Protein backbone atom coordinates (compact mmCIF):
# COMPACT_ATOMS: atom_id res chain seq x y z
CA MET A 1 101.14 77.22 81.32
CA THR A 2 100.43 81.22 81.16
CA MET A 3 102.52 83.70 82.04
CA GLU A 4 100.41 84.24 85.31
CA SER A 5 100.22 80.56 85.83
CA ARG A 6 104.06 80.08 85.98
CA GLN A 7 103.95 83.56 88.00
CA ASP A 8 101.17 82.13 90.52
CA SER A 9 103.72 78.81 91.16
CA ARG A 10 106.06 80.73 91.41
CA VAL A 11 105.34 82.97 94.25
CA LYS A 12 103.19 80.08 96.03
CA SER A 13 106.62 78.60 96.28
CA ALA A 14 108.88 80.93 97.89
CA VAL A 15 105.98 82.00 100.35
CA ALA A 16 106.58 80.00 103.38
CA PRO A 17 103.40 80.84 105.72
CA PRO A 18 104.28 82.36 109.23
CA THR A 19 105.44 79.24 111.77
CA ASP A 20 103.87 79.80 115.43
CA ALA A 21 106.84 80.42 116.37
CA GLU A 22 107.70 83.30 114.31
CA ILE A 23 104.00 84.86 114.69
CA LEU A 24 104.52 84.26 119.01
CA ALA A 25 108.38 86.45 118.54
CA GLN A 26 105.98 88.47 116.71
CA LEU A 27 103.76 89.26 119.42
CA ASP A 28 105.98 89.08 122.06
CA ARG A 29 107.75 92.10 119.59
CA ILE A 30 104.94 94.26 119.53
CA ARG A 31 103.56 93.72 123.06
CA ARG A 32 107.56 95.19 124.20
CA SER A 33 107.19 97.84 121.91
CA ALA A 34 106.49 101.32 123.44
CA GLU A 35 104.87 102.45 120.17
CA PHE A 36 101.90 99.76 120.56
CA ASP A 37 100.05 102.10 122.69
CA ALA A 38 97.29 99.87 124.75
CA PRO A 39 96.03 99.33 128.06
CA GLU A 40 97.12 96.29 129.51
CA ARG A 41 93.55 94.45 129.05
CA ASP A 42 94.59 95.02 125.35
CA ARG A 43 96.88 93.12 125.26
CA LYS A 44 95.66 90.54 126.84
CA PHE A 45 92.34 90.51 124.24
CA LEU A 46 95.21 90.47 121.98
CA THR A 47 97.23 87.77 123.42
CA TYR A 48 93.97 85.38 123.78
CA VAL A 49 92.55 85.74 119.98
CA ILE A 50 96.35 84.69 118.44
CA GLU A 51 96.93 81.63 121.08
CA GLU A 52 93.42 80.42 120.21
CA THR A 53 94.07 80.63 116.50
CA ILE A 54 96.93 79.44 116.53
CA ALA A 55 95.67 76.39 118.37
CA GLY A 56 92.65 76.33 116.38
CA ARG A 57 90.32 76.97 118.19
CA GLY A 58 90.05 80.23 115.53
CA ASP A 59 86.04 79.25 115.03
CA ARG A 60 85.21 79.88 119.25
CA ILE A 61 86.42 83.71 118.99
CA LYS A 62 83.45 85.47 120.02
CA ALA A 63 82.60 88.61 121.22
CA TYR A 64 81.23 86.39 124.29
CA SER A 65 84.10 84.13 124.89
CA ILE A 66 86.54 87.08 124.81
CA ALA A 67 84.17 89.09 127.64
CA THR A 68 84.26 86.17 129.52
CA GLU A 69 87.84 84.39 129.45
CA VAL A 70 89.79 87.70 128.94
CA PHE A 71 87.33 90.51 130.69
CA GLY A 72 86.36 88.54 133.36
CA ARG A 73 82.67 89.51 132.76
CA ASP A 74 80.11 86.81 134.16
CA SER A 75 77.50 84.49 132.20
CA SER A 76 75.47 87.21 131.69
CA PHE A 77 77.50 89.24 129.11
CA ASP A 78 75.25 90.15 126.25
CA PRO A 79 77.19 91.22 123.09
CA GLN A 80 74.28 92.61 121.48
CA THR A 81 73.75 94.89 123.89
CA ASP A 82 77.41 95.96 125.34
CA PRO A 83 79.74 96.71 123.54
CA ALA A 84 82.72 96.34 125.30
CA VAL A 85 84.68 94.21 123.09
CA ARG A 86 83.71 95.99 119.86
CA ILE A 87 84.99 99.35 121.45
CA GLU A 88 88.44 97.19 122.46
CA ALA A 89 89.10 95.10 119.22
CA GLY A 90 88.81 99.13 118.03
CA ARG A 91 91.50 99.72 119.83
CA ILE A 92 93.34 97.53 118.95
CA ARG A 93 93.63 98.43 115.34
CA ARG A 94 94.27 101.32 115.99
CA ALA A 95 97.37 99.93 118.35
CA LEU A 96 98.31 97.85 115.78
CA GLU A 97 97.86 100.37 113.03
CA ARG A 98 99.81 102.57 114.82
CA TYR A 99 102.70 99.97 115.77
CA TYR A 100 103.15 99.11 112.16
CA LEU A 101 103.57 102.86 111.10
CA VAL A 102 105.88 103.68 113.25
CA ALA A 103 108.04 100.95 114.57
CA GLY A 104 107.16 97.77 113.21
CA ARG A 105 108.17 98.69 109.19
CA THR A 106 110.53 96.13 108.82
CA ASP A 107 108.77 93.63 111.19
CA PRO A 108 108.82 90.62 109.16
CA ILE A 109 105.41 88.92 109.91
CA VAL A 110 101.96 91.83 110.31
CA ILE A 111 99.50 90.87 112.30
CA SER A 112 96.11 92.15 112.05
CA ILE A 113 92.45 92.24 113.28
CA PRO A 114 90.17 92.89 110.35
CA LYS A 115 86.88 94.58 110.84
CA GLY A 116 83.88 93.06 111.39
CA ALA A 117 85.84 89.74 113.20
CA TYR A 118 88.09 89.15 116.34
CA VAL A 119 90.17 86.02 114.44
CA PRO A 120 93.71 87.32 113.69
CA THR A 121 95.63 87.22 110.36
CA PHE A 122 98.78 86.62 109.81
CA GLU A 123 101.00 87.57 106.85
CA ARG A 124 104.65 87.46 105.72
CA ARG A 125 105.86 91.02 104.31
CA ILE A 126 106.70 90.52 100.90
CA ASP A 127 110.31 92.30 101.17
CA ALA A 128 110.73 89.70 103.72
CA TRP A 129 110.46 86.32 101.16
CA LEU A 130 111.20 88.29 97.97
CA PRO A 131 114.50 86.43 97.50
CA SER A 132 116.75 89.45 95.61
CA HIS A 133 116.83 91.99 92.96
CA THR A 134 117.96 89.37 90.26
CA GLU A 135 115.49 87.31 90.80
CA ALA A 136 112.46 89.69 90.95
CA LYS A 137 113.80 90.50 88.22
CA GLU A 138 113.24 87.48 86.75
CA SER A 139 109.62 87.49 87.25
CA ALA A 140 109.38 91.33 86.86
CA ALA A 141 107.46 90.99 83.65
CA GLN A 142 104.14 89.03 84.90
CA LYS A 143 101.63 90.21 86.71
CA PRO A 144 101.86 89.63 90.82
CA ALA A 145 99.93 87.03 91.79
CA THR A 146 97.91 86.28 94.20
CA LEU A 147 98.56 84.48 98.20
CA ARG A 148 97.18 82.67 100.18
CA THR A 149 97.75 83.38 104.32
CA ARG A 150 98.48 80.81 107.07
CA ARG A 151 94.57 81.08 107.48
CA GLY A 152 93.36 80.41 104.51
CA ALA A 153 92.43 84.70 103.04
CA TRP A 154 93.61 85.21 99.89
CA LEU A 155 94.63 88.54 99.32
CA THR A 156 96.09 90.32 96.48
CA ALA A 157 99.90 91.25 96.84
CA ALA A 158 98.61 95.09 96.80
CA ALA A 159 96.44 94.01 100.03
CA MET A 160 99.16 92.33 102.27
CA VAL A 161 100.40 95.18 103.75
CA CYS A 162 96.72 96.60 105.03
CA VAL A 163 96.62 96.52 108.32
CA GLY A 164 92.88 97.92 109.49
CA GLY A 165 92.52 100.82 107.83
CA GLY A 166 96.19 101.89 107.24
CA LEU A 167 99.45 101.28 105.67
CA ALA A 168 102.39 98.98 106.82
CA ALA A 169 105.35 99.65 104.71
CA GLY A 170 108.60 98.92 103.23
CA ALA A 171 107.61 96.24 100.56
CA LEU A 172 107.67 96.63 96.74
CA LEU A 173 106.58 94.91 93.42
CA LEU A 174 108.29 95.04 89.99
CA HIS A 175 105.43 95.48 87.72
CA GLU A 176 104.38 94.63 84.04
CA ASP A 177 108.23 95.39 83.56
CA ASP A 178 110.87 95.60 84.85
CA LYS A 179 111.34 99.69 85.05
CA SER A 180 108.25 99.88 86.76
CA ILE A 181 107.84 99.20 90.27
CA VAL A 182 104.43 98.82 92.17
CA ARG A 183 104.82 100.25 95.99
CA LEU A 184 102.73 99.02 98.97
CA GLN A 185 103.26 101.84 100.75
CA PRO A 186 103.77 105.65 99.33
CA THR A 187 107.50 107.47 100.98
CA ILE A 188 106.00 110.63 103.16
CA PRO A 189 108.12 112.94 104.59
CA LYS A 190 108.40 112.47 108.32
CA LEU A 191 108.31 114.62 111.72
CA VAL A 192 109.66 113.73 114.44
CA VAL A 193 108.29 115.03 117.68
CA THR A 194 111.10 115.77 121.15
CA PRO A 195 109.31 116.15 123.92
CA PHE A 196 108.63 119.95 124.38
CA GLU A 197 111.39 121.79 126.61
CA ASP A 198 109.94 122.91 129.79
CA LEU A 199 111.85 126.04 130.41
CA SER A 200 110.39 127.21 134.17
CA GLY A 201 111.43 123.63 135.96
CA THR A 202 108.40 123.87 137.84
CA SER A 203 105.56 120.12 138.46
CA GLN A 204 102.58 122.56 136.41
CA SER A 205 104.64 123.13 133.52
CA ALA A 206 106.84 120.13 133.65
CA MET A 207 102.94 118.59 133.12
CA MET A 208 101.75 121.39 130.36
CA ALA A 209 105.38 120.30 128.22
CA ARG A 210 104.30 116.51 128.44
CA GLY A 211 100.78 117.44 127.78
CA LEU A 212 101.65 119.43 124.76
CA THR A 213 104.27 117.19 123.26
CA ASP A 214 100.85 114.13 123.14
CA GLU A 215 97.76 116.64 122.18
CA VAL A 216 100.38 118.07 119.60
CA VAL A 217 101.29 114.42 118.70
CA GLY A 218 97.57 113.38 118.49
CA ASN A 219 96.57 116.67 116.26
CA ILE A 220 99.49 115.85 113.81
CA ALA A 221 98.94 111.97 113.05
CA LYS A 222 95.82 112.92 112.08
CA PHE A 223 96.95 114.77 108.39
CA LYS A 224 98.21 111.71 106.80
CA GLU A 225 99.82 113.50 104.30
CA ILE A 226 102.93 113.01 106.52
CA THR A 227 104.25 110.23 109.08
CA VAL A 228 104.75 111.15 112.52
CA THR A 229 107.14 110.03 115.28
CA THR A 230 108.12 110.52 118.88
CA ARG A 231 111.29 108.10 118.40
CA GLU A 232 114.47 109.25 117.11
CA GLY A 233 116.04 108.08 114.00
CA PRO A 234 118.18 107.69 111.50
CA ASP A 235 118.17 111.43 110.14
CA ALA A 236 117.24 109.83 106.40
CA SER A 237 113.66 109.25 105.16
CA PRO A 238 113.68 106.58 103.00
CA GLN A 239 115.18 106.68 100.05
CA GLY A 240 116.60 110.03 101.18
CA GLY A 241 113.98 111.75 101.48
CA PRO A 242 113.04 115.03 104.08
CA VAL A 243 112.37 114.46 107.64
CA PHE A 244 111.56 117.33 109.67
CA ALA A 245 111.88 117.30 113.65
CA LEU A 246 109.16 120.00 115.61
CA GLU A 247 110.80 121.04 118.84
CA GLY A 248 108.96 123.19 121.25
CA ARG A 249 109.87 125.35 124.27
CA VAL A 250 107.59 125.92 127.53
CA ARG A 251 107.61 128.80 130.00
CA PHE A 252 105.60 129.92 132.11
CA ASP A 253 105.47 133.86 133.28
CA GLY A 254 103.18 134.79 136.33
CA GLU A 255 99.72 133.40 134.80
CA ARG A 256 100.79 133.49 131.15
CA LEU A 257 101.96 130.20 129.37
CA ARG A 258 103.94 131.14 125.62
CA LEU A 259 105.13 128.39 123.92
CA VAL A 260 107.86 128.58 121.74
CA ALA A 261 107.40 126.08 118.43
CA ARG A 262 110.13 125.37 115.25
CA LEU A 263 110.52 123.00 112.61
CA ILE A 264 113.74 122.28 111.62
CA GLN A 265 115.26 120.56 108.06
CA ARG A 266 116.88 117.50 109.70
CA SER A 267 119.23 117.21 106.72
CA ASP A 268 121.63 120.77 107.25
CA GLY A 269 119.75 121.74 110.41
CA SER A 270 118.28 124.99 109.27
CA VAL A 271 114.63 126.45 110.77
CA VAL A 272 111.66 126.30 108.20
CA TRP A 273 109.35 127.87 110.55
CA THR A 274 108.83 128.79 113.74
CA ASN A 275 106.03 130.61 115.30
CA ALA A 276 105.55 131.67 119.52
CA TYR A 277 102.05 130.97 121.24
CA ASP A 278 100.94 133.02 124.27
CA GLU A 279 98.02 131.96 126.31
CA ARG A 280 96.79 133.11 129.84
CA LEU A 281 96.48 130.62 132.43
CA GLU A 282 93.09 130.00 133.94
CA THR A 283 92.31 127.68 136.63
CA GLY A 284 90.26 124.34 135.80
CA LYS A 285 90.93 124.80 131.73
CA THR A 286 94.80 123.70 131.54
CA ILE A 287 93.13 120.99 129.49
CA ASP A 288 91.47 123.23 126.86
CA LEU A 289 94.40 125.54 127.13
CA GLN A 290 96.81 122.12 125.65
CA VAL A 291 94.19 121.59 123.40
CA LYS A 292 93.92 124.88 121.87
CA ALA A 293 98.29 125.09 121.38
CA ALA A 294 98.04 121.94 120.15
CA ALA A 295 95.99 122.69 117.21
CA ALA A 296 97.53 125.82 116.33
CA VAL A 297 100.29 124.21 116.11
CA ALA A 298 99.98 121.14 114.67
CA GLY A 299 97.96 122.92 112.09
CA ALA A 300 100.26 124.86 111.33
CA VAL A 301 102.85 122.83 110.55
CA ALA A 302 100.85 119.42 108.83
CA GLN A 303 98.38 121.33 107.26
CA PRO A 304 98.44 120.44 102.98
CA TYR A 305 99.19 123.98 102.65
CA GLY A 306 101.60 124.32 105.83
CA ALA A 307 105.12 124.44 106.96
CA ILE A 308 106.28 121.03 105.75
CA PHE A 309 104.27 121.24 102.39
CA GLN A 310 106.00 124.21 101.50
CA ALA A 311 109.40 123.42 102.66
CA ASN A 312 108.68 120.00 100.57
CA ALA A 313 107.23 122.40 97.39
CA THR A 314 110.36 124.62 97.09
CA ALA A 315 112.95 121.25 97.62
CA PHE A 316 110.83 119.49 94.85
CA LYS A 317 111.10 122.57 92.76
CA GLN A 318 114.70 121.45 91.18
CA SER A 319 114.64 117.26 91.18
CA VAL A 320 112.21 114.62 92.55
CA PRO A 321 114.13 111.21 93.13
CA ASP A 322 111.88 108.66 91.82
CA ASP A 323 110.92 107.64 95.13
CA TRP A 324 109.29 110.17 96.08
CA GLN A 325 106.82 111.05 92.76
CA ALA A 326 104.15 109.59 94.07
CA TYR A 327 104.03 111.89 97.03
CA ALA A 328 105.35 114.98 94.74
CA CYS A 329 101.97 114.27 92.93
CA THR A 330 99.69 115.44 95.97
CA LEU A 331 102.00 118.70 95.67
CA SER A 332 101.27 119.49 92.36
CA TYR A 333 97.34 119.06 92.82
CA TYR A 334 97.59 121.22 96.08
CA GLY A 335 100.61 123.57 94.21
CA HIS A 336 97.75 123.39 91.57
CA ARG A 337 94.42 124.65 93.43
CA GLY A 338 96.88 127.33 95.77
CA ASP A 339 98.18 128.47 92.36
CA VAL A 340 96.81 127.74 89.61
CA GLY A 341 100.00 129.03 87.59
CA ALA A 342 101.88 126.13 89.24
CA GLN A 343 100.68 123.44 86.66
CA GLY A 344 97.99 123.30 84.54
CA GLN A 345 94.97 121.10 85.90
CA ALA A 346 95.86 118.28 82.93
CA GLY A 347 99.15 117.51 83.50
CA VAL A 348 98.09 117.52 87.94
CA GLN A 349 95.65 114.91 86.93
CA GLU A 350 98.34 113.04 84.39
CA CYS A 351 100.44 112.61 87.80
CA LEU A 352 98.00 111.51 89.91
CA GLN A 353 96.67 108.85 87.59
CA GLN A 354 100.74 107.68 87.94
CA ALA A 355 100.76 108.11 90.95
CA THR A 356 97.98 105.38 91.61
CA ARG A 357 99.45 103.00 89.93
CA GLN A 358 102.83 103.55 91.32
CA VAL A 359 101.12 102.94 94.31
CA PRO A 360 97.95 101.28 94.48
CA THR A 361 97.45 101.56 98.30
CA TYR A 362 97.99 105.21 98.51
CA ALA A 363 94.56 106.28 99.66
CA THR A 364 95.23 110.33 100.04
CA ALA A 365 96.23 110.32 96.18
CA TRP A 366 93.49 108.60 95.02
CA ALA A 367 91.17 111.03 96.76
CA LEU A 368 93.15 114.34 95.38
CA LEU A 369 92.26 111.97 91.86
CA SER A 370 88.61 112.28 92.70
CA MET A 371 89.20 115.96 93.42
CA SER A 372 90.99 116.87 90.18
CA TYR A 373 88.06 114.82 87.44
CA ILE A 374 85.20 117.51 90.39
CA ASP A 375 87.52 120.45 89.08
CA ALA A 376 87.43 119.53 85.85
CA PHE A 377 83.58 118.86 86.00
CA GLN A 378 82.70 121.87 88.22
CA ASP A 379 85.12 124.10 85.84
CA ARG A 380 83.75 122.29 82.54
CA LEU A 381 87.12 121.51 81.34
CA ASP A 382 86.36 117.99 80.12
CA ARG A 383 83.08 118.29 78.59
CA SER A 384 82.32 114.99 79.10
CA SER A 385 81.36 115.68 82.11
CA SER A 386 79.21 112.45 83.11
CA VAL A 387 82.43 110.73 82.85
CA THR A 388 84.39 112.76 84.90
CA LEU A 389 82.00 112.94 87.58
CA GLU A 390 81.58 108.90 87.06
CA ARG A 391 85.62 108.86 87.41
CA ALA A 392 85.26 111.15 90.78
CA THR A 393 82.81 108.90 92.07
CA GLU A 394 85.11 105.58 92.15
CA ALA A 395 88.51 107.55 92.80
CA ALA A 396 86.84 108.50 95.98
CA ALA A 397 85.20 105.00 96.78
CA ARG A 398 88.77 103.18 96.31
CA ALA A 399 90.19 106.16 98.67
CA VAL A 400 87.86 105.92 101.50
CA GLU A 401 87.88 102.08 100.91
CA LEU A 402 91.87 102.41 101.92
CA ASP A 403 91.74 104.27 104.50
CA PRO A 404 87.63 105.45 106.04
CA GLN A 405 89.97 107.93 108.62
CA ASP A 406 91.75 110.30 106.03
CA VAL A 407 89.97 112.78 105.86
CA ARG A 408 91.15 113.72 102.43
CA ALA A 409 89.16 110.95 101.43
CA LEU A 410 86.46 111.47 102.93
CA GLU A 411 86.31 114.87 101.52
CA ALA A 412 86.49 114.07 97.87
CA ARG A 413 83.76 111.32 99.12
CA MET A 414 81.54 114.83 100.53
CA LEU A 415 82.09 116.45 96.75
CA ALA A 416 81.27 113.54 94.60
CA LEU A 417 77.91 112.94 96.20
CA PHE A 418 77.58 116.67 96.30
CA PHE A 419 77.00 117.51 93.14
CA ARG A 420 75.79 113.78 92.31
CA GLY A 421 72.59 115.38 93.84
CA ASP A 422 73.19 113.34 96.96
CA VAL A 423 73.63 116.98 99.35
CA ASP A 424 71.96 114.87 102.86
CA ALA A 425 75.14 112.44 102.63
CA ALA A 426 77.61 114.75 101.33
CA LEU A 427 77.25 116.79 104.23
CA ALA A 428 76.61 113.50 106.67
CA VAL A 429 80.15 112.40 105.22
CA GLY A 430 82.00 116.00 105.70
CA ALA A 431 81.04 116.23 109.34
CA ARG A 432 82.27 112.65 109.47
CA ALA A 433 85.35 113.99 108.47
CA LEU A 434 85.54 117.38 110.51
CA ALA A 435 84.82 115.10 113.54
CA ILE A 436 88.44 113.18 112.53
CA ASN A 437 90.25 116.32 111.82
CA PRO A 438 88.69 120.03 113.17
CA ASN A 439 91.95 121.47 112.45
CA ASP A 440 92.42 121.24 108.46
CA ALA A 441 91.58 124.22 107.27
CA GLU A 442 91.17 122.90 103.85
CA LEU A 443 88.25 120.37 104.21
CA ALA A 444 87.02 122.99 106.94
CA GLY A 445 86.67 125.68 104.08
CA GLU A 446 85.01 123.03 101.37
CA TYR A 447 82.82 121.27 103.95
CA GLY A 448 81.62 125.00 104.63
CA PHE A 449 80.56 126.06 101.41
CA ARG A 450 78.82 123.17 100.99
CA LEU A 451 77.04 123.82 103.86
CA ALA A 452 76.31 127.21 102.81
CA LEU A 453 75.52 126.49 98.89
CA SER A 454 72.74 123.43 100.05
CA GLY A 455 71.26 126.79 102.43
CA GLN A 456 73.21 126.56 105.24
CA TRP A 457 74.55 129.55 104.61
CA ASP A 458 75.45 131.15 108.44
CA SER A 459 76.95 128.51 109.59
CA GLY A 460 78.28 127.71 106.67
CA CYS A 461 79.73 130.64 105.43
CA LYS A 462 81.04 131.37 109.27
CA LEU A 463 83.09 128.10 108.76
CA LEU A 464 83.94 128.86 105.30
CA SER A 465 85.22 132.68 106.85
CA GLU A 466 87.11 130.85 109.95
CA SER A 467 89.06 128.12 107.63
CA VAL A 468 90.77 130.79 105.14
CA ALA A 469 91.25 133.62 108.10
CA ARG A 470 93.70 130.68 109.58
CA ASN A 471 95.99 131.33 106.44
CA PHE A 472 95.68 127.95 105.08
CA GLY A 473 94.19 126.71 102.15
CA PRO A 474 94.27 127.36 98.60
CA ALA A 475 92.92 131.13 98.39
CA ARG A 476 92.57 132.41 95.33
CA TYR A 477 90.10 128.82 95.06
CA PHE A 478 88.58 129.94 98.62
CA GLU A 479 87.79 133.34 97.22
CA ARG A 480 85.35 132.22 94.37
CA ALA A 481 83.11 131.34 97.62
CA LEU A 482 83.35 134.41 99.54
CA SER A 483 81.91 135.68 96.80
CA VAL A 484 79.84 133.62 96.83
CA CYS A 485 78.48 133.74 100.51
CA SER A 486 79.14 137.38 100.44
CA TYR A 487 76.31 137.95 97.09
CA PHE A 488 73.44 135.71 99.33
CA GLY A 489 74.35 137.83 101.90
CA GLY A 490 72.98 140.62 99.93
CA ASP A 491 76.98 142.65 100.15
CA TYR A 492 76.79 142.81 96.51
CA VAL A 493 80.05 145.72 96.68
CA THR A 494 82.49 143.04 99.26
CA ALA A 495 81.27 140.15 96.40
CA GLU A 496 82.77 141.43 93.60
CA ARG A 497 85.14 142.36 94.91
CA TRP A 498 86.30 138.83 96.18
CA ALA A 499 84.43 137.39 92.81
CA ARG A 500 87.57 140.05 91.36
CA MET A 501 89.92 138.74 93.78
CA ALA A 502 89.46 134.70 92.26
CA ASP A 503 90.82 133.56 89.49
CA LEU A 504 88.36 134.44 86.54
CA ARG A 505 90.45 132.72 83.82
CA THR A 506 90.02 129.09 84.69
CA HIS A 507 86.78 129.33 86.83
CA PRO A 508 84.02 129.89 84.74
CA PHE A 509 81.27 130.12 87.46
CA SER A 510 83.55 132.51 89.04
CA ARG A 511 82.40 135.30 86.01
CA VAL A 512 78.95 133.87 86.04
CA MET A 513 79.14 134.94 90.18
CA LEU A 514 80.59 138.23 88.68
CA LEU A 515 78.20 138.80 86.00
CA ALA A 516 75.09 138.37 88.76
CA THR A 517 77.04 140.51 90.81
CA LEU A 518 77.05 143.28 88.17
CA GLY A 519 73.98 142.98 87.41
CA LYS A 520 73.04 143.38 91.22
CA LEU A 521 75.14 146.33 91.45
CA GLY A 522 73.41 148.11 88.81
CA LYS A 523 76.34 148.37 86.83
CA ASP A 524 74.94 148.24 83.35
CA ALA A 525 78.52 148.54 81.11
CA GLN A 526 80.72 146.81 83.14
CA ALA A 527 78.13 143.97 83.14
CA GLN A 528 77.81 143.81 79.16
CA GLU A 529 81.42 144.02 78.45
CA GLU A 530 81.73 140.98 81.13
CA ARG A 531 78.84 139.41 79.16
CA LYS A 532 80.15 139.90 75.91
CA TRP A 533 84.24 137.80 76.96
CA ILE A 534 82.10 135.45 78.16
CA GLU A 535 80.26 134.79 74.70
CA THR A 536 83.56 134.98 72.93
CA ASN A 537 85.92 132.85 75.51
CA LEU A 538 83.84 131.11 76.45
CA PRO A 539 80.84 129.57 74.08
CA GLY A 540 77.61 128.18 75.38
CA LEU A 541 78.43 129.23 79.12
CA LEU A 542 75.75 131.48 79.64
CA GLU A 543 73.02 129.11 77.43
CA GLY A 544 74.04 126.46 80.34
CA ILE A 545 73.02 129.03 83.32
CA PRO A 546 70.22 127.08 84.07
CA GLN A 547 71.90 124.00 84.67
CA GLU A 548 74.71 125.72 86.65
CA VAL A 549 72.80 127.36 88.66
CA ALA A 550 70.54 124.25 89.73
CA LEU A 551 73.65 121.96 90.21
CA ARG A 552 75.02 124.08 92.69
CA LEU A 553 72.74 125.58 94.81
CA ARG A 554 70.04 122.94 96.23
CA ARG A 555 66.84 125.90 97.60
CA PRO A 556 64.57 127.32 95.24
CA GLN A 557 65.03 131.13 96.47
CA ASP A 558 68.47 131.11 96.31
CA ARG A 559 68.80 129.56 92.13
CA GLN A 560 66.03 132.48 92.17
CA GLN A 561 68.23 135.07 93.66
CA LEU A 562 71.61 134.47 91.59
CA VAL A 563 69.35 134.07 88.08
CA ASP A 564 67.32 137.39 88.91
CA GLY A 565 71.40 138.87 88.85
CA LEU A 566 71.92 137.28 86.00
CA ARG A 567 68.25 139.31 84.15
CA LYS A 568 69.53 142.07 85.49
CA ALA A 569 73.15 141.61 84.31
CA GLY A 570 71.26 141.68 80.54
CA VAL A 571 70.96 137.59 80.20
CA PRO A 572 68.16 136.09 78.80
CA ILE A 573 66.85 133.17 80.82
CA PRO A 574 63.32 132.10 80.05
CA GLU A 575 61.61 131.25 83.11
CA THR A 576 60.49 127.55 81.50
CA GLU A 577 63.95 126.61 80.60
CA PHE A 578 64.94 127.18 84.56
CA GLU A 579 62.35 125.24 85.92
CA GLN A 580 63.56 122.41 83.89
CA ALA A 581 67.19 122.80 85.08
CA ARG A 582 65.51 122.29 88.37
CA THR A 583 63.96 119.15 87.01
CA ASP A 584 67.23 117.74 85.72
CA SER A 585 69.88 119.17 88.68
CA SER A 586 67.85 116.11 91.01
CA ILE A 587 69.21 113.68 87.90
CA HIS A 588 72.91 114.96 88.14
């Protein structure tokens, strides 16, 4: 018998499938929780499908039976034309996902409804049956086994705690040797949003405080880099990681609303961020005001480059606990984008590779790994560019598969598609991501840049500029994008200024843009100096200019405008090579 088969046998014997009583107890636990945010009709829906499955009638669970037996619809109900059941099923999946992320982290049984079906699955949490550290250690050198659930579906150990697109927390697997631990849920910062305080004491101000609290929670929950909850709990995150509290105070002053928000580090009570927002109260626009103020708070706190990121980046400079290594790798990527001196590209990429091995279900880590491959590809840090782009595509696909609602995963997918030449599909993915979280400045900037490069200069550059104006995001990364926007807007003076502000050392195409801009401005001496620098330090770059231009710019007239500036700067680009590059770019 092989080691793998012995492990498979050992795991199967150790895992008892959930009993009917355990499943019903878990259902009751979910229904009684305030964190299971579902109306009564959805609770009846969930109860119905679970009871039918337990009774052995899972094959009878169809949209029609749910509509007639749960929702009280008559026999004329047509599931092909009426999406009511599908819509409610989606709400239940999201409610279950939220429950397991917030309140059900340690529950012994995970109940989920797979997408595309209505029959629930029941899974026992791995750490609920893991015998002991000693016994686990004895089997550490063997691969994680495949487990069969009570309802017959084979699941890999890494997928056992997946709920819809989200991840239930807490399970571990020992992997390969007893020094390597595979985690099924990343350890990420926790943010407790306390109910905003009403300082005015009127019915209108009380309603505004409650509405703002709900809007802020909803907006922050769209950022997958942190976990948000409205319930008080222990002042320590798992394994001693950071826990933050967001507090707010609302006051009415005549026709003005004033919201003061502050972010507190729970470990020592220090205020790591605070800001005040003043808005004019207008009749009939209360909800619009809440949405605007909440978006501003959520963006400032939860952005990849926001207050929580800054606090954690500072805290982890000295040392990183083992359980926070994967999360720290995501910080290193954002730090690299924001300040190229923070850590080299190769080191960031290696860190993210390790993170995906340690936490194979960490969608954000897979997304950032894909984006690191894209960075290497577009900046030619890896000369085997086709391999790098293929890796980027695969990592992005994995990220989206793990969490289709993770905007970083969709951002990575957008970039991979764009550089493969499928621009329309890339823009469609970007639009979908922005619809999920319009407050994500990192995503908005990258999507705006892709819109601009596709030829939609006005709308794309406007979105990019608005994103940069929020002061969240990798400034030096987007400065080169702003130089491109200025160049194609005919403002060559501003284009030169942005190009010189960008990091010219590690972004070769920024050198190309600067050279073309100097050509347009007629600064021949500076253009000659820049051209010589490129020839000395980036050999081969100028010879590959036609391919680089065709890779980034979709429209022939845009390519021609850039090549025109380069020719004026003294770069010889034969028309035949430029035409061939147009053809080759369609292959990417």
